[in-house]
Amino acid sequence: FSVKTMSVLAVATSIDALTIGIMFGLLPDVSILS
């Protein structure tokens, strides 16, 4: 559960969320904070 191990896993599992965020930026009715 070291910082190195967890940070690599966290980035790897959240890359798809980055692309979803790009989609949020293109949709007019998304509250980014929510």
All heavy atoms as atom14 arrays in JSON, in Angstrom:
{
  "sequence": "FSVKTMSVLAVATSIDALTIGIMFGLLPDVSILS",
  "atom14_mask": [
    [1, 1, 1, 1, 1, 1, 1, 1, 1, 1, 1, 0, 0, 0],
    [1, 1, 1, 1, 1, 1, 0, 0, 0, 0, 0, 0, 0, 0],
    [1, 1, 1, 1, 1, 1, 1, 0, 0, 0, 0, 0, 0, 0],
    [1, 1, 1, 1, 1, 1, 1, 1, 1, 0, 0, 0, 0, 0],
    [1, 1, 1, 1, 1, 1, 1, 0, 0, 0, 0, 0, 0, 0],
    [1, 1, 1, 1, 1, 1, 1, 1, 0, 0, 0, 0, 0, 0],
    [1, 1, 1, 1, 1, 1, 0, 0, 0, 0, 0, 0, 0, 0],
    [1, 1, 1, 1, 1, 1, 1, 0, 0, 0, 0, 0, 0, 0],
    [1, 1, 1, 1, 1, 1, 1, 1, 0, 0, 0, 0, 0, 0],
    [1, 1, 1, 1, 1, 0, 0, 0, 0, 0, 0, 0, 0, 0],
    [1, 1, 1, 1, 1, 1, 1, 0, 0, 0, 0, 0, 0, 0],
    [1, 1, 1, 1, 1, 0, 0, 0, 0, 0, 0, 0, 0, 0],
    [1, 1, 1, 1, 1, 1, 1, 0, 0, 0, 0, 0, 0, 0],
    [1, 1, 1, 1, 1, 1, 0, 0, 0, 0, 0, 0, 0, 0],
    [1, 1, 1, 1, 1, 1, 1, 1, 0, 0, 0, 0, 0, 0],
    [1, 1, 1, 1, 1, 1, 1, 1, 0, 0, 0, 0, 0, 0],
    [1, 1, 1, 1, 1, 0, 0, 0, 0, 0, 0, 0, 0, 0],
    [1, 1, 1, 1, 1, 1, 1, 1, 0, 0, 0, 0, 0, 0],
    [1, 1, 1, 1, 1, 1, 1, 0, 0, 0, 0, 0, 0, 0],
    [1, 1, 1, 1, 1, 1, 1, 1, 0, 0, 0, 0, 0, 0],
    [1, 1, 1, 1, 0, 0, 0, 0, 0, 0, 0, 0, 0, 0],
    [1, 1, 1, 1, 1, 1, 1, 1, 0, 0, 0, 0, 0, 0],
    [1, 1, 1, 1, 1, 1, 1, 1, 0, 0, 0, 0, 0, 0],
    [1, 1, 1, 1, 1, 1, 1, 1, 1, 1, 1, 0, 0, 0],
    [1, 1, 1, 1, 0, 0, 0, 0, 0, 0, 0, 0, 0, 0],
    [1, 1, 1, 1, 1, 1, 1, 1, 0, 0, 0, 0, 0, 0],
    [1, 1, 1, 1, 1, 1, 1, 1, 0, 0, 0, 0, 0, 0],
    [1, 1, 1, 1, 1, 1, 1, 0, 0, 0, 0, 0, 0, 0],
    [1, 1, 1, 1, 1, 1, 1, 1, 0, 0, 0, 0, 0, 0],
    [1, 1, 1, 1, 1, 1, 1, 0, 0, 0, 0, 0, 0, 0],
    [1, 1, 1, 1, 1, 1, 0, 0, 0, 0, 0, 0, 0, 0],
    [1, 1, 1, 1, 1, 1, 1, 1, 0, 0, 0, 0, 0, 0],
    [1, 1, 1, 1, 1, 1, 1, 1, 0, 0, 0, 0, 0, 0],
    [1, 1, 1, 1, 1, 1, 0, 0, 0, 0, 0, 0, 0, 0]
  ],
  "atom14_positions": [
    [[0.84, -1.2, 0.0], [0.0, 0.0, 0.0], [0.88, 1.25, 0.0], [0.46, 2.31, 0.44], [-0.93, 0.0, 1.22], [-2.06, -0.98, 1.09], [-1.88, -2.32, 1.41], [-3.3, -0.57, 0.63], [-2.92, -3.24, 1.28], [-4.35, -1.48, 0.5], [-4.15, -2.81, 0.83], [0.0, 0.0, 0.0], [0.0, 0.0, 0.0], [0.0, 0.0, 0.0]],
    [[2.1, 1.13, -0.53], [3.04, 2.25, -0.56], [2.54, 3.32, -1.52], [1.71, 3.07, -2.41], [4.43, 1.78, -1.0], [4.4, 1.42, -2.37], [0.0, 0.0, 0.0], [0.0, 0.0, 0.0], [0.0, 0.0, 0.0], [0.0, 0.0, 0.0], [0.0, 0.0, 0.0], [0.0, 0.0, 0.0], [0.0, 0.0, 0.0], [0.0, 0.0, 0.0]],
    [[3.06, 4.53, -1.36], [2.7, 5.65, -2.23], [3.0, 5.29, -3.68], [2.17, 5.54, -4.57], [3.44, 6.94, -1.8], [3.26, 8.04, -2.83], [2.97, 7.4, -0.43], [0.0, 0.0, 0.0], [0.0, 0.0, 0.0], [0.0, 0.0, 0.0], [0.0, 0.0, 0.0], [0.0, 0.0, 0.0], [0.0, 0.0, 0.0], [0.0, 0.0, 0.0]],
    [[4.15, 4.71, -3.93], [4.54, 4.36, -5.3], [3.54, 3.37, -5.9], [3.04, 3.57, -7.02], [5.94, 3.76, -5.32], [6.41, 3.37, -6.69], [7.81, 2.78, -6.66], [8.22, 2.31, -8.05], [9.48, 1.6, -8.03], [0.0, 0.0, 0.0], [0.0, 0.0, 0.0], [0.0, 0.0, 0.0], [0.0, 0.0, 0.0], [0.0, 0.0, 0.0]],
    [[3.23, 2.31, -5.19], [2.31, 1.3, -5.7], [0.92, 1.87, -5.91], [0.3, 1.7, -6.97], [2.23, 0.1, -4.72], [3.52, -0.48, -4.61], [1.23, -0.93, -5.18], [0.0, 0.0, 0.0], [0.0, 0.0, 0.0], [0.0, 0.0, 0.0], [0.0, 0.0, 0.0], [0.0, 0.0, 0.0], [0.0, 0.0, 0.0], [0.0, 0.0, 0.0]],
    [[0.39, 2.56, -4.91], [-0.98, 3.07, -4.98], [-1.13, 4.18, -6.02], [-2.16, 4.25, -6.69], [-1.45, 3.53, -3.61], [-1.6, 2.39, -2.6], [-2.65, 1.03, -3.14], [-4.22, 1.85, -3.28], [0.0, 0.0, 0.0], [0.0, 0.0, 0.0], [0.0, 0.0, 0.0], [0.0, 0.0, 0.0], [0.0, 0.0, 0.0], [0.0, 0.0, 0.0]],
    [[-0.12, 5.03, -6.17], [-0.23, 6.11, -7.16], [-0.25, 5.54, -8.57], [-1.02, 6.0, -9.42], [0.88, 7.14, -7.0], [2.14, 6.56, -7.19], [0.0, 0.0, 0.0], [0.0, 0.0, 0.0], [0.0, 0.0, 0.0], [0.0, 0.0, 0.0], [0.0, 0.0, 0.0], [0.0, 0.0, 0.0], [0.0, 0.0, 0.0], [0.0, 0.0, 0.0]],
    [[0.56, 4.52, -8.83], [0.56, 3.9, -10.16], [-0.8, 3.25, -10.43], [-1.38, 3.42, -11.51], [1.7, 2.86, -10.28], [1.54, 2.01, -11.53], [3.05, 3.56, -10.29], [0.0, 0.0, 0.0], [0.0, 0.0, 0.0], [0.0, 0.0, 0.0], [0.0, 0.0, 0.0], [0.0, 0.0, 0.0], [0.0, 0.0, 0.0], [0.0, 0.0, 0.0]],
    [[-1.32, 2.52, -9.46], [-2.63, 1.88, -9.63], [-3.74, 2.91, -9.79], [-4.65, 2.73, -10.6], [-2.93, 0.96, -8.44], [-2.09, -0.31, -8.33], [-2.39, -1.03, -7.01], [-2.33, -1.22, -9.51], [0.0, 0.0, 0.0], [0.0, 0.0, 0.0], [0.0, 0.0, 0.0], [0.0, 0.0, 0.0], [0.0, 0.0, 0.0], [0.0, 0.0, 0.0]],
    [[-3.69, 3.98, -9.02], [-4.72, 5.02, -9.08], [-4.73, 5.7, -10.45], [-5.8, 5.95, -11.02], [-4.52, 6.04, -7.97], [0.0, 0.0, 0.0], [0.0, 0.0, 0.0], [0.0, 0.0, 0.0], [0.0, 0.0, 0.0], [0.0, 0.0, 0.0], [0.0, 0.0, 0.0], [0.0, 0.0, 0.0], [0.0, 0.0, 0.0], [0.0, 0.0, 0.0]],
    [[-3.55, 6.0, -10.98], [-3.48, 6.62, -12.31], [-3.99, 5.64, -13.36], [-4.79, 6.0, -14.23], [-2.05, 7.1, -12.63], [-1.92, 7.49, -14.1], [-1.66, 8.28, -11.74], [0.0, 0.0, 0.0], [0.0, 0.0, 0.0], [0.0, 0.0, 0.0], [0.0, 0.0, 0.0], [0.0, 0.0, 0.0], [0.0, 0.0, 0.0], [0.0, 0.0, 0.0]],
    [[-3.53, 4.4, -13.28], [-3.92, 3.39, -14.27], [-5.43, 3.17, -14.3], [-6.01, 3.01, -15.37], [-3.21, 2.07, -13.99], [0.0, 0.0, 0.0], [0.0, 0.0, 0.0], [0.0, 0.0, 0.0], [0.0, 0.0, 0.0], [0.0, 0.0, 0.0], [0.0, 0.0, 0.0], [0.0, 0.0, 0.0], [0.0, 0.0, 0.0], [0.0, 0.0, 0.0]],
    [[-6.08, 3.17, -13.14], [-7.52, 2.92, -13.11], [-8.35, 4.17, -13.39], [-9.56, 4.08, -13.54], [-7.96, 2.34, -11.74], [-7.6, 3.25, -10.71], [-7.34, 0.99, -11.5], [0.0, 0.0, 0.0], [0.0, 0.0, 0.0], [0.0, 0.0, 0.0], [0.0, 0.0, 0.0], [0.0, 0.0, 0.0], [0.0, 0.0, 0.0], [0.0, 0.0, 0.0]],
    [[-7.72, 5.33, -13.48], [-8.49, 6.56, -13.69], [-8.26, 7.22, -15.04], [-8.82, 8.28, -15.3], [-8.19, 7.56, -12.57], [-6.84, 7.94, -12.58], [0.0, 0.0, 0.0], [0.0, 0.0, 0.0], [0.0, 0.0, 0.0], [0.0, 0.0, 0.0], [0.0, 0.0, 0.0], [0.0, 0.0, 0.0], [0.0, 0.0, 0.0], [0.0, 0.0, 0.0]],
    [[-7.49, 6.61, -15.91], [-7.27, 7.18, -17.25], [-8.61, 7.3, -17.98], [-8.86, 8.29, -18.67], [-6.28, 6.33, -18.06], [-4.88, 6.39, -17.43], [-6.24, 6.74, -19.51], [-4.25, 7.76, -17.4], [0.0, 0.0, 0.0], [0.0, 0.0, 0.0], [0.0, 0.0, 0.0], [0.0, 0.0, 0.0], [0.0, 0.0, 0.0], [0.0, 0.0, 0.0]],
    [[-9.48, 6.3, -17.83], [-10.78, 6.38, -18.47], [-11.59, 7.57, -17.94], [-12.35, 8.19, -18.68], [-11.55, 5.07, -18.33], [-11.65, 4.56, -16.9], [-11.0, 5.12, -16.0], [-12.39, 3.58, -16.68], [0.0, 0.0, 0.0], [0.0, 0.0, 0.0], [0.0, 0.0, 0.0], [0.0, 0.0, 0.0], [0.0, 0.0, 0.0], [0.0, 0.0, 0.0]],
    [[-11.41, 7.92, -16.68], [-12.12, 9.07, -16.12], [-11.64, 10.37, -16.75], [-12.41, 11.32, -16.86], [-11.94, 9.11, -14.6], [0.0, 0.0, 0.0], [0.0, 0.0, 0.0], [0.0, 0.0, 0.0], [0.0, 0.0, 0.0], [0.0, 0.0, 0.0], [0.0, 0.0, 0.0], [0.0, 0.0, 0.0], [0.0, 0.0, 0.0], [0.0, 0.0, 0.0]],
    [[-10.38, 10.43, -17.16], [-9.87, 11.61, -17.85], [-10.62, 11.81, -19.16], [-11.05, 12.92, -19.48], [-8.37, 11.46, -18.11], [-7.7, 12.6, -18.89], [-7.63, 13.86, -18.04], [-6.31, 12.18, -19.34], [0.0, 0.0, 0.0], [0.0, 0.0, 0.0], [0.0, 0.0, 0.0], [0.0, 0.0, 0.0], [0.0, 0.0, 0.0], [0.0, 0.0, 0.0]],
    [[-10.81, 10.73, -19.92], [-11.52, 10.85, -21.18], [-12.99, 11.19, -20.97], [-13.58, 11.93, -21.76], [-11.38, 9.58, -22.04], [-11.89, 8.47, -21.32], [-9.94, 9.32, -22.4], [0.0, 0.0, 0.0], [0.0, 0.0, 0.0], [0.0, 0.0, 0.0], [0.0, 0.0, 0.0], [0.0, 0.0, 0.0], [0.0, 0.0, 0.0], [0.0, 0.0, 0.0]],
    [[-13.57, 10.68, -19.89], [-14.95, 11.04, -19.57], [-15.03, 12.53, -19.24], [-15.98, 13.21, -19.61], [-15.48, 10.19, -18.39], [-15.53, 8.71, -18.76], [-16.84, 10.69, -17.93], [-16.39, 8.36, -19.94], [0.0, 0.0, 0.0], [0.0, 0.0, 0.0], [0.0, 0.0, 0.0], [0.0, 0.0, 0.0], [0.0, 0.0, 0.0], [0.0, 0.0, 0.0]],
    [[-14.02, 13.04, -18.55], [-13.97, 14.47, -18.25], [-13.93, 15.31, -19.51], [-14.56, 16.37, -19.58], [0.0, 0.0, 0.0], [0.0, 0.0, 0.0], [0.0, 0.0, 0.0], [0.0, 0.0, 0.0], [0.0, 0.0, 0.0], [0.0, 0.0, 0.0], [0.0, 0.0, 0.0], [0.0, 0.0, 0.0], [0.0, 0.0, 0.0], [0.0, 0.0, 0.0]],
    [[-13.2, 14.85, -20.51], [-13.17, 15.56, -21.8], [-14.58, 15.59, -22.38], [-15.04, 16.64, -22.86], [-12.18, 14.89, -22.77], [-10.74, 15.09, -22.26], [-12.34, 15.45, -24.19], [-9.69, 14.28, -23.0], [0.0, 0.0, 0.0], [0.0, 0.0, 0.0], [0.0, 0.0, 0.0], [0.0, 0.0, 0.0], [0.0, 0.0, 0.0], [0.0, 0.0, 0.0]],
    [[-15.28, 14.47, -22.3], [-16.66, 14.42, -22.78], [-17.53, 15.39, -21.99], [-18.37, 16.08, -22.57], [-17.21, 13.0, -22.64], [-18.63, 12.84, -23.15], [-19.34, 11.24, -22.76], [-19.61, 11.4, -20.99], [0.0, 0.0, 0.0], [0.0, 0.0, 0.0], [0.0, 0.0, 0.0], [0.0, 0.0, 0.0], [0.0, 0.0, 0.0], [0.0, 0.0, 0.0]],
    [[-17.33, 15.49, -20.67], [-18.09, 16.43, -19.85], [-17.9, 17.87, -20.35], [-18.81, 18.67, -20.32], [-17.68, 16.36, -18.38], [-18.15, 15.16, -17.63], [-17.55, 14.82, -16.43], [-19.19, 14.37, -18.09], [-17.97, 13.71, -15.71], [-19.63, 13.26, -17.38], [-19.02, 12.93, -16.19], [0.0, 0.0, 0.0], [0.0, 0.0, 0.0], [0.0, 0.0, 0.0]],
    [[-16.68, 18.19, -20.77], [-16.41, 19.52, -21.27], [-17.14, 19.84, -22.56], [-17.31, 21.0, -22.92], [0.0, 0.0, 0.0], [0.0, 0.0, 0.0], [0.0, 0.0, 0.0], [0.0, 0.0, 0.0], [0.0, 0.0, 0.0], [0.0, 0.0, 0.0], [0.0, 0.0, 0.0], [0.0, 0.0, 0.0], [0.0, 0.0, 0.0], [0.0, 0.0, 0.0]],
    [[-17.58, 18.8, -23.26], [-18.29, 18.98, -24.52], [-19.8, 18.98, -24.36], [-20.52, 19.4, -25.26], [-17.89, 17.88, -25.5], [-16.4, 17.75, -25.8], [-16.13, 16.53, -26.66], [-15.88, 19.01, -26.46], [0.0, 0.0, 0.0], [0.0, 0.0, 0.0], [0.0, 0.0, 0.0], [0.0, 0.0, 0.0], [0.0, 0.0, 0.0], [0.0, 0.0, 0.0]],
    [[-20.29, 18.49, -23.23], [-21.73, 18.42, -23.0], [-22.18, 19.65, -22.22], [-21.58, 20.01, -21.22], [-22.07, 17.15, -22.22], [-21.74, 15.83, -22.91], [-22.02, 14.65, -21.97], [-22.53, 15.67, -24.2], [0.0, 0.0, 0.0], [0.0, 0.0, 0.0], [0.0, 0.0, 0.0], [0.0, 0.0, 0.0], [0.0, 0.0, 0.0], [0.0, 0.0, 0.0]],
    [[-23.26, 20.29, -22.68], [-23.69, 21.55, -22.06], [-24.37, 21.39, -20.7], [-24.4, 22.33, -19.92], [-24.68, 22.12, -23.08], [-25.22, 20.92, -23.78], [-24.08, 19.92, -23.83], [0.0, 0.0, 0.0], [0.0, 0.0, 0.0], [0.0, 0.0, 0.0], [0.0, 0.0, 0.0], [0.0, 0.0, 0.0], [0.0, 0.0, 0.0], [0.0, 0.0, 0.0]],
    [[-24.91, 20.23, -20.41], [-25.73, 20.1, -19.21], [-25.07, 19.29, -18.09], [-25.74, 18.66, -17.29], [-27.08, 19.47, -19.57], [-26.94, 18.09, -20.2], [-25.82, 17.74, -20.62], [-27.94, 17.36, -20.25], [0.0, 0.0, 0.0], [0.0, 0.0, 0.0], [0.0, 0.0, 0.0], [0.0, 0.0, 0.0], [0.0, 0.0, 0.0], [0.0, 0.0, 0.0]],
    [[-23.75, 19.34, -17.99], [-23.05, 18.59, -16.94], [-22.5, 19.56, -15.9], [-21.76, 20.48, -16.23], [-21.89, 17.76, -17.53], [-21.09, 17.1, -16.43], [-22.41, 16.72, -18.51], [0.0, 0.0, 0.0], [0.0, 0.0, 0.0], [0.0, 0.0, 0.0], [0.0, 0.0, 0.0], [0.0, 0.0, 0.0], [0.0, 0.0, 0.0], [0.0, 0.0, 0.0]],
    [[-22.89, 19.36, -14.65], [-22.32, 20.12, -13.54], [-21.04, 19.4, -13.13], [-21.1, 18.33, -12.53], [-23.29, 20.18, -12.37], [-22.62, 20.62, -11.21], [0.0, 0.0, 0.0], [0.0, 0.0, 0.0], [0.0, 0.0, 0.0], [0.0, 0.0, 0.0], [0.0, 0.0, 0.0], [0.0, 0.0, 0.0], [0.0, 0.0, 0.0], [0.0, 0.0, 0.0]],
    [[-19.9, 19.97, -13.46], [-18.63, 19.29, -13.23], [-18.39, 19.04, -11.75], [-17.87, 17.99, -11.38], [-17.44, 20.03, -13.9], [-16.18, 19.16, -13.87], [-17.2, 21.37, -13.25], [-16.28, 17.87, -14.62], [0.0, 0.0, 0.0], [0.0, 0.0, 0.0], [0.0, 0.0, 0.0], [0.0, 0.0, 0.0], [0.0, 0.0, 0.0], [0.0, 0.0, 0.0]],
    [[-18.78, 19.96, -10.89], [-18.57, 19.75, -9.45], [-19.39, 18.57, -8.93], [-18.88, 17.74, -8.18], [-18.9, 21.02, -8.67], [-17.96, 22.2, -8.91], [-18.42, 23.42, -8.12], [-16.54, 21.83, -8.54], [0.0, 0.0, 0.0], [0.0, 0.0, 0.0], [0.0, 0.0, 0.0], [0.0, 0.0, 0.0], [0.0, 0.0, 0.0], [0.0, 0.0, 0.0]],
    [[-20.64, 18.48, -9.35], [-21.48, 17.35, -8.94], [-20.93, 16.04, -9.5], [-20.88, 15.03, -8.81], [-22.92, 17.53, -9.44], [-23.49, 18.67, -8.87], [0.0, 0.0, 0.0], [0.0, 0.0, 0.0], [0.0, 0.0, 0.0], [0.0, 0.0, 0.0], [0.0, 0.0, 0.0], [0.0, 0.0, 0.0], [0.0, 0.0, 0.0], [0.0, 0.0, 0.0]]
  ]
}
